[in-house]
Amino acid sequence: MEDVKADQWQSSVLDSNVPVLVDFWAEWCGPCRMVGPVLEDLAGDYQGRVKFVKVNVDHSGELASKYNVFSIPTLMLFNKGQVVDTKVGATNKESYRTMIDDVLA
């Protein structure tokens, strides 16, 4: 999973030719650390069809503010530069899979 900073946002997320699942997280966040391995698994399952990126809210607070991220982890699915789905808080792998499959359908 790629760590994306504000100066990479446009090219990595908004201009992507595939859907992008963005994980807004922080190192000190316990639930974020639980979600990480789940997303790594999913990234393997969807390789080439969906891009998975992480945004550390402590390093890229302007992105968190722009997208109204008030609690973490927050996962946002972007398609063609637009937010198409959001999940706040840690959830299970199947919940994320459904989120992704809905946009790929």
N, C-alpha and C. Protein backbone atom coordinates (compact mmCIF):
# COMPACT_ATOMS: atom_id res chain seq x y z
N MET A 1 0.85 -1.19 0.00
CA MET A 1 0.00 0.00 0.00
C MET A 1 0.88 1.23 0.00
N GLU A 2 0.52 2.14 -0.85
CA GLU A 2 1.29 3.37 -1.04
C GLU A 2 0.87 4.43 -0.02
N ASP A 3 1.85 5.08 0.60
CA ASP A 3 1.58 6.24 1.46
C ASP A 3 1.50 7.46 0.56
N VAL A 4 0.39 8.18 0.63
CA VAL A 4 0.18 9.34 -0.23
C VAL A 4 0.17 10.61 0.60
N LYS A 5 0.91 11.59 0.14
CA LYS A 5 0.95 12.92 0.78
C LYS A 5 0.14 13.88 -0.08
N ALA A 6 -0.11 15.06 0.44
CA ALA A 6 -0.96 16.03 -0.23
C ALA A 6 -0.48 16.35 -1.65
N ASP A 7 0.84 16.43 -1.84
CA ASP A 7 1.36 16.79 -3.17
C ASP A 7 1.23 15.66 -4.19
N GLN A 8 0.86 14.46 -3.73
CA GLN A 8 0.67 13.31 -4.63
C GLN A 8 -0.81 12.99 -4.84
N TRP A 9 -1.67 13.66 -4.10
CA TRP A 9 -3.09 13.34 -4.06
C TRP A 9 -3.72 13.34 -5.45
N GLN A 10 -3.52 14.44 -6.20
CA GLN A 10 -4.15 14.57 -7.51
C GLN A 10 -3.78 13.40 -8.42
N SER A 11 -2.50 13.12 -8.56
CA SER A 11 -2.07 12.08 -9.49
C SER A 11 -2.38 10.67 -8.97
N SER A 12 -2.21 10.44 -7.67
CA SER A 12 -2.39 9.09 -7.12
C SER A 12 -3.85 8.70 -6.93
N VAL A 13 -4.68 9.66 -6.57
CA VAL A 13 -6.07 9.34 -6.23
C VAL A 13 -7.06 9.90 -7.25
N LEU A 14 -7.09 11.20 -7.41
CA LEU A 14 -8.12 11.83 -8.23
C LEU A 14 -7.99 11.49 -9.72
N ASP A 15 -6.77 11.35 -10.21
CA ASP A 15 -6.56 11.06 -11.63
C ASP A 15 -6.39 9.57 -11.93
N SER A 16 -6.57 8.71 -10.94
CA SER A 16 -6.37 7.28 -11.14
C SER A 16 -7.36 6.72 -12.15
N ASN A 17 -6.88 5.78 -12.98
CA ASN A 17 -7.77 5.15 -13.96
C ASN A 17 -8.48 3.93 -13.39
N VAL A 18 -8.21 3.61 -12.12
CA VAL A 18 -8.94 2.54 -11.42
C VAL A 18 -9.47 3.12 -10.10
N PRO A 19 -10.49 2.50 -9.50
CA PRO A 19 -10.96 2.98 -8.19
C PRO A 19 -9.83 2.95 -7.17
N VAL A 20 -9.89 3.85 -6.20
CA VAL A 20 -8.85 3.97 -5.18
C VAL A 20 -9.49 3.91 -3.80
N LEU A 21 -9.04 2.96 -2.96
CA LEU A 21 -9.49 2.89 -1.58
C LEU A 21 -8.45 3.61 -0.73
N VAL A 22 -8.88 4.67 -0.07
CA VAL A 22 -7.98 5.50 0.74
C VAL A 22 -8.23 5.22 2.21
N ASP A 23 -7.17 4.87 2.92
CA ASP A 23 -7.21 4.61 4.35
C ASP A 23 -6.62 5.82 5.07
N PHE A 24 -7.47 6.62 5.71
CA PHE A 24 -7.02 7.72 6.56
C PHE A 24 -6.72 7.12 7.93
N TRP A 25 -5.48 7.24 8.39
CA TRP A 25 -5.03 6.52 9.59
C TRP A 25 -3.98 7.34 10.32
N ALA A 26 -3.54 6.80 11.47
CA ALA A 26 -2.41 7.36 12.22
C ALA A 26 -1.73 6.22 12.96
N GLU A 27 -0.43 6.38 13.22
CA GLU A 27 0.35 5.33 13.87
C GLU A 27 -0.14 5.01 15.28
N TRP A 28 -0.66 6.00 15.99
CA TRP A 28 -1.08 5.81 17.37
C TRP A 28 -2.48 5.21 17.49
N CYS A 29 -3.15 4.99 16.38
CA CYS A 29 -4.55 4.53 16.36
C CYS A 29 -4.61 3.00 16.34
N GLY A 30 -5.07 2.41 17.45
CA GLY A 30 -5.19 0.96 17.56
C GLY A 30 -6.05 0.33 16.48
N PRO A 31 -7.29 0.80 16.30
CA PRO A 31 -8.14 0.22 15.25
C PRO A 31 -7.50 0.35 13.85
N CYS A 32 -6.75 1.42 13.62
CA CYS A 32 -6.08 1.59 12.32
C CYS A 32 -5.07 0.46 12.10
N ARG A 33 -4.38 0.10 13.16
CA ARG A 33 -3.40 -0.98 13.05
C ARG A 33 -4.08 -2.33 12.79
N MET A 34 -5.30 -2.48 13.26
CA MET A 34 -6.06 -3.71 13.00
C MET A 34 -6.52 -3.77 11.54
N VAL A 35 -6.88 -2.64 10.98
CA VAL A 35 -7.39 -2.57 9.61
C VAL A 35 -6.26 -2.78 8.59
N GLY A 36 -5.05 -2.35 8.91
CA GLY A 36 -3.93 -2.42 7.97
C GLY A 36 -3.73 -3.77 7.31
N PRO A 37 -3.59 -4.85 8.10
CA PRO A 37 -3.38 -6.18 7.49
C PRO A 37 -4.55 -6.64 6.63
N VAL A 38 -5.76 -6.26 7.00
CA VAL A 38 -6.95 -6.61 6.22
C VAL A 38 -6.85 -5.95 4.84
N LEU A 39 -6.46 -4.68 4.83
CA LEU A 39 -6.35 -3.96 3.56
C LEU A 39 -5.21 -4.51 2.72
N GLU A 40 -4.12 -4.93 3.37
CA GLU A 40 -3.00 -5.54 2.63
C GLU A 40 -3.49 -6.81 1.91
N ASP A 41 -4.29 -7.63 2.60
CA ASP A 41 -4.87 -8.83 1.98
C ASP A 41 -5.73 -8.47 0.78
N LEU A 42 -6.61 -7.50 0.98
CA LEU A 42 -7.51 -7.09 -0.09
C LEU A 42 -6.75 -6.51 -1.27
N ALA A 43 -5.68 -5.78 -1.00
CA ALA A 43 -4.87 -5.20 -2.08
C ALA A 43 -4.35 -6.31 -2.99
N GLY A 44 -3.97 -7.44 -2.39
CA GLY A 44 -3.53 -8.58 -3.19
C GLY A 44 -4.66 -9.16 -4.03
N ASP A 45 -5.85 -9.25 -3.44
CA ASP A 45 -7.01 -9.81 -4.14
C ASP A 45 -7.45 -8.95 -5.32
N TYR A 46 -7.28 -7.63 -5.20
CA TYR A 46 -7.78 -6.71 -6.22
C TYR A 46 -6.66 -6.08 -7.05
N GLN A 47 -5.49 -6.67 -7.01
CA GLN A 47 -4.32 -6.11 -7.71
C GLN A 47 -4.65 -5.83 -9.17
N GLY A 48 -4.34 -4.60 -9.60
CA GLY A 48 -4.59 -4.20 -10.98
C GLY A 48 -5.98 -3.66 -11.23
N ARG A 49 -6.91 -3.92 -10.32
CA ARG A 49 -8.29 -3.45 -10.50
C ARG A 49 -8.64 -2.31 -9.55
N VAL A 50 -8.00 -2.28 -8.38
CA VAL A 50 -8.25 -1.24 -7.37
C VAL A 50 -6.90 -0.86 -6.77
N LYS A 51 -6.70 0.44 -6.58
CA LYS A 51 -5.47 0.92 -5.93
C LYS A 51 -5.78 1.15 -4.45
N PHE A 52 -4.86 0.76 -3.59
CA PHE A 52 -5.00 0.95 -2.15
C PHE A 52 -3.92 1.92 -1.69
N VAL A 53 -4.33 3.01 -1.03
CA VAL A 53 -3.37 3.99 -0.53
C VAL A 53 -3.71 4.35 0.91
N LYS A 54 -2.69 4.86 1.62
CA LYS A 54 -2.85 5.29 3.01
C LYS A 54 -2.52 6.77 3.10
N VAL A 55 -3.27 7.48 3.93
CA VAL A 55 -2.98 8.88 4.23
C VAL A 55 -2.84 9.00 5.74
N ASN A 56 -1.65 9.33 6.19
CA ASN A 56 -1.41 9.54 7.61
C ASN A 56 -1.94 10.92 7.98
N VAL A 57 -2.98 10.96 8.81
CA VAL A 57 -3.64 12.24 9.12
C VAL A 57 -2.73 13.17 9.91
N ASP A 58 -1.72 12.62 10.59
CA ASP A 58 -0.78 13.47 11.32
C ASP A 58 0.17 14.20 10.37
N HIS A 59 0.41 13.62 9.20
CA HIS A 59 1.33 14.21 8.22
C HIS A 59 0.60 14.96 7.12
N SER A 60 -0.68 14.65 6.91
CA SER A 60 -1.46 15.25 5.82
C SER A 60 -2.81 15.72 6.34
N GLY A 61 -2.75 16.55 7.38
CA GLY A 61 -3.98 17.05 7.99
C GLY A 61 -4.88 17.82 7.05
N GLU A 62 -4.28 18.47 6.04
CA GLU A 62 -5.10 19.24 5.10
C GLU A 62 -6.01 18.32 4.28
N LEU A 63 -5.55 17.12 3.96
CA LEU A 63 -6.41 16.17 3.24
C LEU A 63 -7.53 15.67 4.14
N ALA A 64 -7.18 15.37 5.39
CA ALA A 64 -8.20 14.92 6.35
C ALA A 64 -9.27 16.00 6.51
N SER A 65 -8.85 17.25 6.61
CA SER A 65 -9.80 18.36 6.75
C SER A 65 -10.67 18.51 5.50
N LYS A 66 -10.03 18.45 4.34
CA LYS A 66 -10.76 18.62 3.07
C LYS A 66 -11.89 17.60 2.93
N TYR A 67 -11.64 16.37 3.40
CA TYR A 67 -12.63 15.30 3.26
C TYR A 67 -13.40 15.02 4.56
N ASN A 68 -13.33 15.98 5.50
CA ASN A 68 -14.11 15.90 6.75
C ASN A 68 -13.88 14.60 7.51
N VAL A 69 -12.62 14.21 7.62
CA VAL A 69 -12.26 13.02 8.40
C VAL A 69 -12.11 13.45 9.85
N PHE A 70 -13.08 13.06 10.68
CA PHE A 70 -13.09 13.45 12.09
C PHE A 70 -12.68 12.33 13.02
N SER A 71 -12.79 11.09 12.54
CA SER A 71 -12.32 9.97 13.35
C SER A 71 -11.66 8.96 12.42
N ILE A 72 -10.73 8.21 12.98
CA ILE A 72 -10.00 7.25 12.18
C ILE A 72 -10.08 5.87 12.82
N PRO A 73 -9.99 4.81 12.04
CA PRO A 73 -9.77 4.86 10.60
C PRO A 73 -11.04 5.28 9.84
N THR A 74 -10.82 6.04 8.78
CA THR A 74 -11.87 6.35 7.82
C THR A 74 -11.38 5.85 6.48
N LEU A 75 -12.19 5.04 5.82
CA LEU A 75 -11.85 4.54 4.49
C LEU A 75 -12.81 5.15 3.48
N MET A 76 -12.23 5.74 2.45
CA MET A 76 -13.03 6.34 1.38
C MET A 76 -12.67 5.67 0.07
N LEU A 77 -13.70 5.33 -0.68
CA LEU A 77 -13.49 4.74 -2.00
C LEU A 77 -13.77 5.82 -3.04
N PHE A 78 -12.75 6.09 -3.85
CA PHE A 78 -12.84 7.08 -4.92
C PHE A 78 -12.96 6.37 -6.25
N ASN A 79 -13.81 6.89 -7.11
CA ASN A 79 -13.91 6.40 -8.48
C ASN A 79 -14.03 7.61 -9.39
N LYS A 80 -13.13 7.72 -10.35
CA LYS A 80 -13.10 8.85 -11.29
C LYS A 80 -13.03 10.18 -10.53
N GLY A 81 -12.25 10.20 -9.44
CA GLY A 81 -12.02 11.44 -8.71
C GLY A 81 -13.09 11.82 -7.70
N GLN A 82 -14.12 11.00 -7.57
CA GLN A 82 -15.22 11.30 -6.66
C GLN A 82 -15.31 10.26 -5.55
N VAL A 83 -15.71 10.70 -4.35
CA VAL A 83 -15.96 9.76 -3.26
C VAL A 83 -17.27 9.03 -3.56
N VAL A 84 -17.21 7.71 -3.63
CA VAL A 84 -18.42 6.93 -3.92
C VAL A 84 -18.89 6.12 -2.71
N ASP A 85 -18.02 5.95 -1.71
CA ASP A 85 -18.43 5.24 -0.49
C ASP A 85 -17.44 5.58 0.62
N THR A 86 -17.94 5.53 1.86
CA THR A 86 -17.12 5.84 3.03
C THR A 86 -17.48 4.89 4.16
N LYS A 87 -16.46 4.42 4.87
CA LYS A 87 -16.68 3.64 6.09
C LYS A 87 -15.84 4.28 7.18
N VAL A 88 -16.46 4.54 8.33
CA VAL A 88 -15.76 5.12 9.47
C VAL A 88 -15.66 4.06 10.55
N GLY A 89 -14.45 3.87 11.07
CA GLY A 89 -14.23 2.86 12.09
C GLY A 89 -13.80 1.54 11.47
N ALA A 90 -13.21 0.70 12.29
CA ALA A 90 -12.75 -0.61 11.82
C ALA A 90 -13.96 -1.52 11.63
N THR A 91 -13.93 -2.27 10.55
CA THR A 91 -14.98 -3.26 10.30
C THR A 91 -14.31 -4.50 9.71
N ASN A 92 -15.10 -5.45 9.25
CA ASN A 92 -14.51 -6.71 8.79
C ASN A 92 -14.17 -6.69 7.30
N LYS A 93 -13.40 -7.67 6.91
CA LYS A 93 -12.92 -7.77 5.53
C LYS A 93 -14.07 -7.81 4.53
N GLU A 94 -15.13 -8.55 4.86
CA GLU A 94 -16.26 -8.68 3.93
C GLU A 94 -16.96 -7.34 3.71
N SER A 95 -17.00 -6.51 4.73
CA SER A 95 -17.61 -5.19 4.59
C SER A 95 -16.84 -4.35 3.58
N TYR A 96 -15.50 -4.40 3.65
CA TYR A 96 -14.68 -3.67 2.69
C TYR A 96 -14.80 -4.28 1.30
N ARG A 97 -14.87 -5.62 1.25
CA ARG A 97 -14.99 -6.31 -0.04
C ARG A 97 -16.29 -5.89 -0.75
N THR A 98 -17.38 -5.82 0.00
CA THR A 98 -18.67 -5.41 -0.56
C THR A 98 -18.59 -3.99 -1.10
N MET A 99 -17.96 -3.11 -0.33
CA MET A 99 -17.77 -1.71 -0.73
C MET A 99 -17.06 -1.65 -2.09
N ILE A 100 -16.00 -2.45 -2.23
CA ILE A 100 -15.20 -2.45 -3.46
C ILE A 100 -15.98 -3.10 -4.61
N ASP A 101 -16.58 -4.25 -4.34
CA ASP A 101 -17.30 -4.97 -5.39
C ASP A 101 -18.44 -4.14 -5.96
N ASP A 102 -19.09 -3.34 -5.11
CA ASP A 102 -20.20 -2.49 -5.59
C ASP A 102 -19.72 -1.49 -6.64
N VAL A 103 -18.53 -0.94 -6.48
CA VAL A 103 -18.04 0.04 -7.44
C VAL A 103 -17.49 -0.63 -8.69
N LEU A 104 -17.03 -1.89 -8.57
CA LEU A 104 -16.51 -2.61 -9.72
C LEU A 104 -17.62 -3.20 -10.58
N ALA A 105 -18.80 -3.38 -9.99
CA ALA A 105 -19.91 -4.03 -10.71
C ALA A 105 -20.39 -3.19 -11.88
